[in-house]
Amino acid sequence: MAISAAVYDENRHFLWSVCYRMTGNAADAEEIVQETFVRALEKPPPNTKEAWLPWLTRVAVNLSRDFLRRRRRTNYVGVWLPSPVPTEDLEELEIKTAESPATRYDLQESVSIAFLLALEALTPAARAVLLLRDVFDYSTGETANVLGMTEINVKVTLHRARRAMHDYDKNRTTMDSARQQKAKETLQKFLKCLETNDVEELEKLLTENVVVVSDGGGEVSALLKPMHGREKVLRLITQLYEVYRGITQTSVCALNHQPAVIVDRPNIKPGHAKRYTLQCEYDEEGSIKRLNFVFAPSKLSMLKK
């Protein structure tokens, strides 16, 4: 049986939106969505006259759970970070996703790097339950149906998932328009200080315990573990910028609904990232407390050239 183009167009945006939050990886989310529609072609639901979305969501979420289990059995090279997605693409993909006042996390927050990293502490089942209940506003019964769980198990799993998110919830900050603007200005000042080699002003932008994390995925050179401390971080970022000053091009943009930087370094030697992103986390005063660099080329598939 063939699936109509209308069924595909009406549902793929929402499915991708769920799968991206489940996996934290745009390319993997796209593959899972495509596999979901392949399953629909090969073995469709018994009653194809009913709405397709519940069945498609069930398949997509369970494929995502299987993917997460496989990923956790592999040895990732270095530190894993979510793949960045342009904000305008997220807005297009989520246009059909209605928000409810009852949701614990809104759609913008649920694609932030901090949120996606916090989800990594959950089991695949707990991640699915939390997303369906607290982001997409599924009822307990709907969640149980999607995941093939009892309602009691859904409630217990959700309780454990929320408890595991305690540290994230305690430290979360809402990126309202004022914070967004301040973050953008901080990033622009950060880049200006690098360009002018103004180490003194650059130091003022970073917290004392600032952390740098870079994800090369074994594809290109990157730190294998986080670097902590303002002095070490300053030395690293200023020295690296100085080495590649003549070929470095930067642009401030919006990724995952937050200000970010895309860096292009053409003609760089093999084994190093020609393109990468920088997304930051900030403390209550607006200082940078964490710098997340995504170097792995496979994670930059949604960035336009």
C-alpha atoms as a PDB file:
ATOM      1  CA  MET A   1       0.000   0.000   0.000  1.00  0.00           C
ATOM      2  CA  ALA A   2       1.272   3.472  -0.878  1.00  0.00           C
ATOM      3  CA  ILE A   3       1.128   6.368   1.570  1.00  0.00           C
ATOM      4  CA  SER A   4      -0.239   9.554   0.097  1.00  0.00           C
ATOM      5  CA  ALA A   5       1.951  12.594  -0.197  1.00  0.00           C
ATOM      6  CA  ALA A   6      -0.519  14.400   2.061  1.00  0.00           C
ATOM      7  CA  VAL A   7       0.011  11.897   4.901  1.00  0.00           C
ATOM      8  CA  TYR A   8       3.767  12.282   4.558  1.00  0.00           C
ATOM      9  CA  ASP A   9       3.690  16.086   4.467  1.00  0.00           C
ATOM     10  CA  GLU A  10       1.196  16.382   7.318  1.00  0.00           C
ATOM     11  CA  ASN A  11       3.168  14.212   9.735  1.00  0.00           C
ATOM     12  CA  ARG A  12       6.895  14.284   8.974  1.00  0.00           C
ATOM     13  CA  HIS A  13       7.502  17.676  10.637  1.00  0.00           C
ATOM     14  CA  PHE A  14       6.058  16.554  13.951  1.00  0.00           C
ATOM     15  CA  LEU A  15       7.842  13.189  13.790  1.00  0.00           C
ATOM     16  CA  TRP A  16      11.194  14.887  13.159  1.00  0.00           C
ATOM     17  CA  SER A  17      10.504  17.248  16.037  1.00  0.00           C
ATOM     18  CA  VAL A  18      10.011  14.284  18.383  1.00  0.00           C
ATOM     19  CA  CYS A  19      12.946  12.267  17.019  1.00  0.00           C
ATOM     20  CA  TYR A  20      15.380  15.185  17.260  1.00  0.00           C
ATOM     21  CA  ARG A  21      14.570  15.583  20.938  1.00  0.00           C
ATOM     22  CA  MET A  22      14.846  11.833  21.417  1.00  0.00           C
ATOM     23  CA  THR A  23      18.262  11.527  19.762  1.00  0.00           C
ATOM     24  CA  GLY A  24      19.760  15.025  19.944  1.00  0.00           C
ATOM     25  CA  ASN A  25      20.992  14.540  16.390  1.00  0.00           C
ATOM     26  CA  ALA A  26      19.368  16.091  13.323  1.00  0.00           C
ATOM     27  CA  ALA A  27      20.707  13.582  10.779  1.00  0.00           C
ATOM     28  CA  ASP A  28      19.757  10.592  12.939  1.00  0.00           C
ATOM     29  CA  ALA A  29      16.287  12.062  13.464  1.00  0.00           C
ATOM     30  CA  GLU A  30      15.841  12.360   9.701  1.00  0.00           C
ATOM     31  CA  GLU A  31      16.898   8.742   9.167  1.00  0.00           C
ATOM     32  CA  ILE A  32      14.459   7.538  11.808  1.00  0.00           C
ATOM     33  CA  VAL A  33      11.603   9.490  10.227  1.00  0.00           C
ATOM     34  CA  GLN A  34      12.391   7.978   6.837  1.00  0.00           C
ATOM     35  CA  GLU A  35      12.536   4.494   8.373  1.00  0.00           C
ATOM     36  CA  THR A  36       9.163   5.148  10.013  1.00  0.00           C
ATOM     37  CA  PHE A  37       7.569   5.785   6.635  1.00  0.00           C
ATOM     38  CA  VAL A  38       9.300   2.730   5.175  1.00  0.00           C
ATOM     39  CA  ARG A  39       7.673   0.659   7.942  1.00  0.00           C
ATOM     40  CA  ALA A  40       4.343   2.264   7.082  1.00  0.00           C
ATOM     41  CA  LEU A  41       4.734   1.158   3.468  1.00  0.00           C
ATOM     42  CA  GLU A  42       5.873  -2.358   4.296  1.00  0.00           C
ATOM     43  CA  LYS A  43       3.535  -3.079   7.197  1.00  0.00           C
ATOM     44  CA  PRO A  44       0.863  -0.402   7.604  1.00  0.00           C
ATOM     45  CA  PRO A  45      -1.561  -0.251  10.539  1.00  0.00           C
ATOM     46  CA  PRO A  46      -4.701  -2.415  10.316  1.00  0.00           C
ATOM     47  CA  ASN A  47      -7.048   0.522   9.741  1.00  0.00           C
ATOM     48  CA  THR A  48      -5.546   3.065   7.374  1.00  0.00           C
ATOM     49  CA  LYS A  49      -8.724   5.142   7.389  1.00  0.00           C
ATOM     50  CA  GLU A  50      -7.944   6.315  10.924  1.00  0.00           C
ATOM     51  CA  ALA A  51      -5.529   9.170  11.648  1.00  0.00           C
ATOM     52  CA  TRP A  52      -1.956   8.125  10.887  1.00  0.00           C
ATOM     53  CA  LEU A  53      -0.157  10.250  13.480  1.00  0.00           C
ATOM     54  CA  PRO A  54      -0.649   8.028  16.583  1.00  0.00           C
ATOM     55  CA  TRP A  55       0.674   4.959  14.753  1.00  0.00           C
ATOM     56  CA  LEU A  56       3.542   6.863  13.115  1.00  0.00           C
ATOM     57  CA  THR A  57       4.525   8.418  16.441  1.00  0.00           C
ATOM     58  CA  ARG A  58       4.561   4.996  18.099  1.00  0.00           C
ATOM     59  CA  VAL A  59       6.896   3.622  15.418  1.00  0.00           C
ATOM     60  CA  ALA A  60       9.163   6.689  15.397  1.00  0.00           C
ATOM     61  CA  VAL A  61       9.532   6.868  19.179  1.00  0.00           C
ATOM     62  CA  ASN A  62      10.285   3.173  19.487  1.00  0.00           C
ATOM     63  CA  LEU A  63      12.825   3.347  16.661  1.00  0.00           C
ATOM     64  CA  SER A  64      14.400   6.260  18.545  1.00  0.00           C
ATOM     65  CA  ARG A  65      14.547   4.203  21.734  1.00  0.00           C
ATOM     66  CA  ASP A  66      16.289   1.384  19.852  1.00  0.00           C
ATOM     67  CA  PHE A  67      18.716   3.902  18.349  1.00  0.00           C
ATOM     68  CA  LEU A  68      19.594   5.299  21.786  1.00  0.00           C
ATOM     69  CA  ARG A  69      20.253   1.819  23.156  1.00  0.00           C
ATOM     70  CA  ARG A  70      22.641   1.104  20.270  1.00  0.00           C
ATOM     71  CA  ARG A  71      24.385   4.445  20.710  1.00  0.00           C
ATOM     72  CA  ARG A  72      25.011   3.772  24.379  1.00  0.00           C
ATOM     73  CA  ARG A  73      26.695   0.498  23.517  1.00  0.00           C
ATOM     74  CA  THR A  74      29.274   2.244  21.326  1.00  0.00           C
ATOM     75  CA  ASN A  75      32.395   4.029  22.528  1.00  0.00           C
ATOM     76  CA  TYR A  76      32.013   7.621  21.411  1.00  0.00           C
ATOM     77  CA  VAL A  77      35.322   9.390  20.842  1.00  0.00           C
ATOM     78  CA  GLY A  78      35.511  12.365  23.196  1.00  0.00           C
ATOM     79  CA  VAL A  79      32.524  14.249  24.555  1.00  0.00           C
ATOM     80  CA  TRP A  80      29.111  13.965  22.893  1.00  0.00           C
ATOM     81  CA  LEU A  81      27.149  17.119  22.107  1.00  0.00           C
ATOM     82  CA  PRO A  82      23.792  17.543  20.330  1.00  0.00           C
ATOM     83  CA  SER A  83      23.877  18.633  16.713  1.00  0.00           C
ATOM     84  CA  PRO A  84      23.004  22.316  16.136  1.00  0.00           C
ATOM     85  CA  VAL A  85      19.906  23.220  14.145  1.00  0.00           C
ATOM     86  CA  PRO A  86      19.096  26.655  12.680  1.00  0.00           C
ATOM     87  CA  THR A  87      16.226  28.249  14.570  1.00  0.00           C
ATOM     88  CA  GLU A  88      14.274  29.016  11.397  1.00  0.00           C
ATOM     89  CA  ASP A  89      14.247  25.308  10.521  1.00  0.00           C
ATOM     90  CA  LEU A  90      12.980  24.414  13.978  1.00  0.00           C
ATOM     91  CA  GLU A  91      10.182  26.954  13.646  1.00  0.00           C
ATOM     92  CA  GLU A  92       9.140  25.431  10.330  1.00  0.00           C
ATOM     93  CA  LEU A  93       9.288  21.908  11.699  1.00  0.00           C
ATOM     94  CA  GLU A  94       7.293  22.734  14.799  1.00  0.00           C
ATOM     95  CA  ILE A  95       4.590  24.813  13.183  1.00  0.00           C
ATOM     96  CA  LYS A  96       2.043  22.019  13.623  1.00  0.00           C
ATOM     97  CA  THR A  97       2.952  21.319  17.245  1.00  0.00           C
ATOM     98  CA  ALA A  98       0.474  22.986  19.605  1.00  0.00           C
ATOM     99  CA  GLU A  99       1.694  24.052  23.022  1.00  0.00           C
ATOM    100  CA  SER A 100      -0.403  23.743  26.162  1.00  0.00           C
ATOM    101  CA  PRO A 101      -0.117  25.731  29.399  1.00  0.00           C
ATOM    102  CA  ALA A 102       0.191  22.343  31.114  1.00  0.00           C
ATOM    103  CA  THR A 103       3.539  21.490  29.513  1.00  0.00           C
ATOM    104  CA  ARG A 104       6.519  21.502  31.865  1.00  0.00           C
ATOM    105  CA  TYR A 105       9.021  22.588  29.181  1.00  0.00           C
ATOM    106  CA  ASP A 106       8.153  24.648  26.127  1.00  0.00           C
ATOM    107  CA  LEU A 107       9.233  23.775  22.620  1.00  0.00           C
ATOM    108  CA  GLN A 108      12.058  26.316  22.488  1.00  0.00           C
ATOM    109  CA  GLU A 109      13.605  25.222  25.769  1.00  0.00           C
ATOM    110  CA  SER A 110      13.319  21.553  24.817  1.00  0.00           C
ATOM    111  CA  VAL A 111      15.750  21.960  21.903  1.00  0.00           C
ATOM    112  CA  SER A 112      18.322  23.953  23.867  1.00  0.00           C
ATOM    113  CA  ILE A 113      21.740  22.345  24.224  1.00  0.00           C
ATOM    114  CA  ALA A 114      21.434  22.341  28.021  1.00  0.00           C
ATOM    115  CA  PHE A 115      18.091  20.527  27.906  1.00  0.00           C
ATOM    116  CA  LEU A 116      19.217  17.956  25.333  1.00  0.00           C
ATOM    117  CA  LEU A 117      22.330  17.244  27.397  1.00  0.00           C
ATOM    118  CA  ALA A 118      20.216  16.811  30.531  1.00  0.00           C
ATOM    119  CA  LEU A 119      18.108  14.227  28.692  1.00  0.00           C
ATOM    120  CA  GLU A 120      21.227  12.112  28.170  1.00  0.00           C
ATOM    121  CA  ALA A 121      21.076  11.126  31.853  1.00  0.00           C
ATOM    122  CA  LEU A 122      17.734   9.364  31.271  1.00  0.00           C
ATOM    123  CA  THR A 123      17.119   5.864  30.010  1.00  0.00           C
ATOM    124  CA  PRO A 124      15.594   5.704  26.506  1.00  0.00           C
ATOM    125  CA  ALA A 125      12.191   4.838  27.998  1.00  0.00           C
ATOM    126  CA  ALA A 126      12.367   7.633  30.572  1.00  0.00           C
ATOM    127  CA  ARG A 127      13.427  10.106  27.885  1.00  0.00           C
ATOM    128  CA  ALA A 128      10.452   9.131  25.739  1.00  0.00           C
ATOM    129  CA  VAL A 129       8.015   9.410  28.643  1.00  0.00           C
ATOM    130  CA  LEU A 130       9.331  12.801  29.741  1.00  0.00           C
ATOM    131  CA  LEU A 131       9.191  14.231  26.233  1.00  0.00           C
ATOM    132  CA  LEU A 132       5.713  12.959  25.470  1.00  0.00           C
ATOM    133  CA  ARG A 133       4.262  14.039  28.814  1.00  0.00           C
ATOM    134  CA  ASP A 134       6.185  17.227  29.666  1.00  0.00           C
ATOM    135  CA  VAL A 135       6.949  18.670  26.221  1.00  0.00           C
ATOM    136  CA  PHE A 136       4.286  17.386  23.833  1.00  0.00           C
ATOM    137  CA  ASP A 137       1.497  17.255  26.442  1.00  0.00           C
ATOM    138  CA  TYR A 138       0.440  13.645  25.835  1.00  0.00           C
ATOM    139  CA  SER A 139      -1.856  12.226  28.470  1.00  0.00           C
ATOM    140  CA  THR A 140      -0.766   9.269  30.590  1.00  0.00           C
ATOM    141  CA  GLY A 141      -2.995   7.003  28.529  1.00  0.00           C
ATOM    142  CA  GLU A 142      -1.705   8.315  25.201  1.00  0.00           C
ATOM    143  CA  THR A 143       1.891   7.910  26.375  1.00  0.00           C
ATOM    144  CA  ALA A 144       1.225   4.361  27.536  1.00  0.00           C
ATOM    145  CA  ASN A 145      -0.289   3.535  24.143  1.00  0.00           C
ATOM    146  CA  VAL A 146       2.663   4.956  22.209  1.00  0.00           C
ATOM    147  CA  LEU A 147       5.284   3.177  24.312  1.00  0.00           C
ATOM    148  CA  GLY A 148       3.456  -0.087  24.968  1.00  0.00           C
ATOM    149  CA  MET A 149       3.565   0.503  28.733  1.00  0.00           C
ATOM    150  CA  THR A 150       0.937   0.375  31.440  1.00  0.00           C
ATOM    151  CA  GLU A 151      -0.313   3.679  32.801  1.00  0.00           C
ATOM    152  CA  ILE A 152       1.166   2.809  36.193  1.00  0.00           C
ATOM    153  CA  ASN A 153       4.588   2.271  34.602  1.00  0.00           C
ATOM    154  CA  VAL A 154       4.286   5.569  32.747  1.00  0.00           C
ATOM    155  CA  LYS A 155       3.572   7.407  36.008  1.00  0.00           C
ATOM    156  CA  VAL A 156       6.477   5.724  37.829  1.00  0.00           C
ATOM    157  CA  THR A 157       8.864   6.324  34.909  1.00  0.00           C
ATOM    158  CA  LEU A 158       7.834   9.973  34.662  1.00  0.00           C
ATOM    159  CA  HIS A 159       8.411  10.463  38.386  1.00  0.00           C
ATOM    160  CA  ARG A 160      11.923   9.014  38.073  1.00  0.00           C
ATOM    161  CA  ALA A 161      12.653  11.050  34.947  1.00  0.00           C
ATOM    162  CA  ARG A 162      11.601  14.297  36.628  1.00  0.00           C
ATOM    163  CA  ARG A 163      13.744  13.424  39.620  1.00  0.00           C
ATOM    164  CA  ALA A 164      16.735  12.830  37.319  1.00  0.00           C
ATOM    165  CA  MET A 165      16.132  16.288  35.788  1.00  0.00           C
ATOM    166  CA  HIS A 166      16.330  17.930  39.222  1.00  0.00           C
ATOM    167  CA  ASP A 167      19.744  19.551  38.690  1.00  0.00           C
ATOM    168  CA  TYR A 168      18.692  20.886  35.312  1.00  0.00           C
ATOM    169  CA  ASP A 169      15.443  22.274  36.733  1.00  0.00           C
ATOM    170  CA  LYS A 170      17.259  23.873  39.658  1.00  0.00           C
ATOM    171  CA  ASN A 171      19.695  25.734  37.399  1.00  0.00           C
ATOM    172  CA  ARG A 172      17.474  26.433  34.390  1.00  0.00           C
ATOM    173  CA  THR A 173      17.050  29.997  33.183  1.00  0.00           C
ATOM    174  CA  THR A 174      14.350  31.170  30.810  1.00  0.00           C
ATOM    175  CA  MET A 175      15.855  32.717  27.690  1.00  0.00           C
ATOM    176  CA  ASP A 176      13.339  35.506  27.232  1.00  0.00           C
ATOM    177  CA  SER A 177      13.870  38.240  24.644  1.00  0.00           C
ATOM    178  CA  ALA A 178      15.964  40.347  27.030  1.00  0.00           C
ATOM    179  CA  ARG A 179      18.283  37.433  27.857  1.00  0.00           C
ATOM    180  CA  GLN A 180      18.473  36.514  24.175  1.00  0.00           C
ATOM    181  CA  GLN A 181      19.587  40.030  23.299  1.00  0.00           C
ATOM    182  CA  LYS A 182      22.137  40.121  26.116  1.00  0.00           C
ATOM    183  CA  ALA A 183      23.524  36.746  25.066  1.00  0.00           C
ATOM    184  CA  LYS A 184      23.857  37.946  21.469  1.00  0.00           C
ATOM    185  CA  GLU A 185      25.688  41.080  22.616  1.00  0.00           C
ATOM    186  CA  THR A 186      27.998  38.986  24.803  1.00  0.00           C
ATOM    187  CA  LEU A 187      28.849  36.716  21.877  1.00  0.00           C
ATOM    188  CA  GLN A 188      29.531  39.668  19.618  1.00  0.00           C
ATOM    189  CA  LYS A 189      31.790  41.205  22.264  1.00  0.00           C
ATOM    190  CA  PHE A 190      33.496  37.812  22.726  1.00  0.00           C
ATOM    191  CA  LEU A 191      34.341  37.702  19.009  1.00  0.00           C
ATOM    192  CA  LYS A 192      35.486  41.333  19.005  1.00  0.00           C
ATOM    193  CA  CYS A 193      37.849  40.649  21.910  1.00  0.00           C
ATOM    194  CA  LEU A 194      39.319  37.682  20.053  1.00  0.00           C
ATOM    195  CA  GLU A 195      39.796  39.731  16.896  1.00  0.00           C
ATOM    196  CA  THR A 196      41.564  42.525  18.775  1.00  0.00           C
ATOM    197  CA  ASN A 197      43.393  40.173  21.148  1.00  0.00           C
ATOM    198  CA  ASP A 198      41.859  41.984  24.120  1.00  0.00           C
ATOM    199  CA  VAL A 199      42.509  39.307  26.733  1.00  0.00           C
ATOM    200  CA  GLU A 200      41.598  41.544  29.666  1.00  0.00           C
ATOM    201  CA  GLU A 201      38.089  42.222  28.358  1.00  0.00           C
ATOM    202  CA  LEU A 202      37.703  38.633  27.218  1.00  0.00           C
ATOM    203  CA  GLU A 203      38.454  37.446  30.736  1.00  0.00           C
ATOM    204  CA  LYS A 204      35.598  39.581  32.076  1.00  0.00           C
ATOM    205  CA  LEU A 205      33.109  37.727  29.884  1.00  0.00           C
ATOM    206  CA  LEU A 206      33.937  34.319  31.392  1.00  0.00           C
ATOM    207  CA  THR A 207      33.055  32.911  34.796  1.00  0.00           C
ATOM    208  CA  GLU A 208      35.916  31.730  36.986  1.00  0.00           C
ATOM    209  CA  ASN A 209      34.914  28.075  36.555  1.00  0.00           C
ATOM    210  CA  VAL A 210      34.064  28.318  32.854  1.00  0.00           C
ATOM    211  CA  VAL A 211      34.066  25.010  30.959  1.00  0.00           C
ATOM    212  CA  VAL A 212      34.969  24.271  27.344  1.00  0.00           C
ATOM    213  CA  VAL A 213      33.541  21.181  25.648  1.00  0.00           C
ATOM    214  CA  SER A 214      34.260  20.194  22.056  1.00  0.00           C
ATOM    215  CA  ASP A 215      32.764  17.370  20.011  1.00  0.00           C
ATOM    216  CA  GLY A 216      34.815  16.046  17.126  1.00  0.00           C
ATOM    217  CA  GLY A 217      33.195  12.618  17.153  1.00  0.00           C
ATOM    218  CA  GLY A 218      36.472  11.028  16.090  1.00  0.00           C
ATOM    219  CA  GLU A 219      36.093  12.760  12.715  1.00  0.00           C
ATOM    220  CA  VAL A 220      38.317  15.774  13.402  1.00  0.00           C
ATOM    221  CA  SER A 221      40.614  16.978  16.169  1.00  0.00           C
ATOM    222  CA  ALA A 222      38.892  18.011  19.423  1.00  0.00           C
ATOM    223  CA  LEU A 223      39.331  17.927  23.187  1.00  0.00           C
ATOM    224  CA  LEU A 224      38.749  14.424  24.524  1.00  0.00           C
ATOM    225  CA  LYS A 225      37.420  15.730  27.819  1.00  0.00           C
ATOM    226  CA  PRO A 226      36.080  19.050  29.131  1.00  0.00           C
ATOM    227  CA  MET A 227      38.546  21.797  30.075  1.00  0.00           C
ATOM    228  CA  HIS A 228      37.811  23.724  33.283  1.00  0.00           C
ATOM    229  CA  GLY A 229      38.981  27.097  34.572  1.00  0.00           C
ATOM    230  CA  ARG A 230      39.170  30.613  33.160  1.00  0.00           C
ATOM    231  CA  GLU A 231      42.973  30.721  32.851  1.00  0.00           C
ATOM    232  CA  LYS A 232      43.195  27.485  30.868  1.00  0.00           C
ATOM    233  CA  VAL A 233      40.212  28.342  28.697  1.00  0.00           C
ATOM    234  CA  LEU A 234      41.557  31.813  27.892  1.00  0.00           C
ATOM    235  CA  ARG A 235      44.909  30.373  26.890  1.00  0.00           C
ATOM    236  CA  LEU A 236      43.290  27.767  24.654  1.00  0.00           C
ATOM    237  CA  ILE A 237      40.851  29.977  22.769  1.00  0.00           C
ATOM    238  CA  THR A 238      43.255  32.896  22.273  1.00  0.00           C
ATOM    239  CA  GLN A 239      46.102  30.686  21.051  1.00  0.00           C
ATOM    240  CA  LEU A 240      43.877  28.760  18.652  1.00  0.00           C
ATOM    241  CA  TYR A 241      42.356  31.938  17.276  1.00  0.00           C
ATOM    242  CA  GLU A 242      45.805  33.442  16.757  1.00  0.00           C
ATOM    243  CA  VAL A 243      47.012  30.383  14.826  1.00  0.00           C
ATOM    244  CA  TYR A 244      44.076  30.557  12.398  1.00  0.00           C
ATOM    245  CA  ARG A 245      43.427  34.314  12.489  1.00  0.00           C
ATOM    246  CA  GLY A 246      44.085  34.841   8.777  1.00  0.00           C
ATOM    247  CA  ILE A 247      41.559  32.261   7.592  1.00  0.00           C
ATOM    248  CA  THR A 248      38.848  32.499  10.242  1.00  0.00           C
ATOM    249  CA  GLN A 249      35.411  33.844   9.314  1.00  0.00           C
ATOM    250  CA  THR A 250      32.699  34.146  11.962  1.00  0.00           C
ATOM    251  CA  SER A 251      28.998  34.946  11.915  1.00  0.00           C
ATOM    252  CA  VAL A 252      26.522  35.289  14.771  1.00  0.00           C
ATOM    253  CA  CYS A 253      23.248  33.481  14.122  1.00  0.00           C
ATOM    254  CA  ALA A 254      20.429  31.674  15.951  1.00  0.00           C
ATOM    255  CA  LEU A 255      20.792  27.939  16.562  1.00  0.00           C
ATOM    256  CA  ASN A 256      18.392  25.941  18.722  1.00  0.00           C
ATOM    257  CA  HIS A 257      16.527  29.176  19.516  1.00  0.00           C
ATOM    258  CA  GLN A 258      19.621  30.749  21.064  1.00  0.00           C
ATOM    259  CA  PRO A 259      22.394  33.051  19.819  1.00  0.00           C
ATOM    260  CA  ALA A 260      25.362  31.111  18.440  1.00  0.00           C
ATOM    261  CA  VAL A 261      28.409  31.464  16.221  1.00  0.00           C
ATOM    262  CA  ILE A 262      29.263  29.638  13.011  1.00  0.00           C
ATOM    263  CA  VAL A 263      32.998  29.591  12.263  1.00  0.00           C
ATOM    264  CA  ASP A 264      34.426  28.842   8.822  1.00  0.00           C
ATOM    265  CA  ARG A 265      38.132  28.121   8.293  1.00  0.00           C
ATOM    266  CA  PRO A 266      38.731  27.199   4.635  1.00  0.00           C
ATOM    267  CA  ASN A 267      42.059  25.708   3.570  1.00  0.00           C
ATOM    268  CA  ILE A 268      42.796  24.345   7.028  1.00  0.00           C
ATOM    269  CA  LYS A 269      45.022  21.282   7.270  1.00  0.00           C
ATOM    270  CA  PRO A 270      43.426  17.801   7.175  1.00  0.00           C
ATOM    271  CA  GLY A 271      42.127  16.458  10.464  1.00  0.00           C
ATOM    272  CA  HIS A 272      40.909  19.845  11.678  1.00  0.00           C
ATOM    273  CA  ALA A 273      37.408  21.275  11.402  1.00  0.00           C
ATOM    274  CA  LYS A 274      36.832  23.564   8.438  1.00  0.00           C
ATOM    275  CA  ARG A 275      33.502  24.586   9.924  1.00  0.00           C
ATOM    276  CA  TYR A 276      32.179  24.445  13.457  1.00  0.00           C
ATOM    277  CA  THR A 277      29.673  26.040  15.814  1.00  0.00           C
ATOM    278  CA  LEU A 278      29.878  27.681  19.217  1.00  0.00           C
ATOM    279  CA  GLN A 279      26.891  27.737  21.549  1.00  0.00           C
ATOM    280  CA  CYS A 280      27.241  29.110  25.079  1.00  0.00           C
ATOM    281  CA  GLU A 281      25.528  28.788  28.423  1.00  0.00           C
ATOM    282  CA  TYR A 282      25.325  31.775  30.775  1.00  0.00           C
ATOM    283  CA  ASP A 283      25.019  32.396  34.501  1.00  0.00           C
ATOM    284  CA  GLU A 284      22.469  34.691  36.127  1.00  0.00           C
ATOM    285  CA  GLU A 285      24.685  37.733  35.492  1.00  0.00           C
ATOM    286  CA  GLY A 286      25.026  36.916  31.813  1.00  0.00           C
ATOM    287  CA  SER A 287      28.645  35.743  31.961  1.00  0.00           C
ATOM    288  CA  ILE A 288      29.663  32.730  29.879  1.00  0.00           C
ATOM    289  CA  LYS A 289      29.870  29.604  32.046  1.00  0.00           C
ATOM    290  CA  ARG A 290      30.204  27.006  29.297  1.00  0.00           C
ATOM    291  CA  LEU A 291      31.337  26.981  25.669  1.00  0.00           C
ATOM    292  CA  ASN A 292      30.086  24.119  23.497  1.00  0.00           C
ATOM    293  CA  PHE A 293      32.011  23.618  20.244  1.00  0.00           C
ATOM    294  CA  VAL A 294      30.621  21.170  17.678  1.00  0.00           C
ATOM    295  CA  PHE A 295      33.401  20.238  15.257  1.00  0.00           C
ATOM    296  CA  ALA A 296      32.134  16.898  13.883  1.00  0.00           C
ATOM    297  CA  PRO A 297      31.148  17.516  10.219  1.00  0.00           C
ATOM    298  CA  SER A 298      28.408  14.862  10.385  1.00  0.00           C
ATOM    299  CA  LYS A 299      26.603  16.941  13.017  1.00  0.00           C
ATOM    300  CA  LEU A 300      26.492  20.101  10.910  1.00  0.00           C
ATOM    301  CA  SER A 301      24.274  18.706   8.141  1.00  0.00           C
ATOM    302  CA  MET A 302      21.495  21.254   8.679  1.00  0.00           C
ATOM    303  CA  LEU A 303      23.728  24.321   8.488  1.00  0.00           C
ATOM    304  CA  LYS A 304      23.438  26.167   5.203  1.00  0.00           C
ATOM    305  CA  LYS A 305      26.639  26.981   3.367  1.00  0.00           C
END
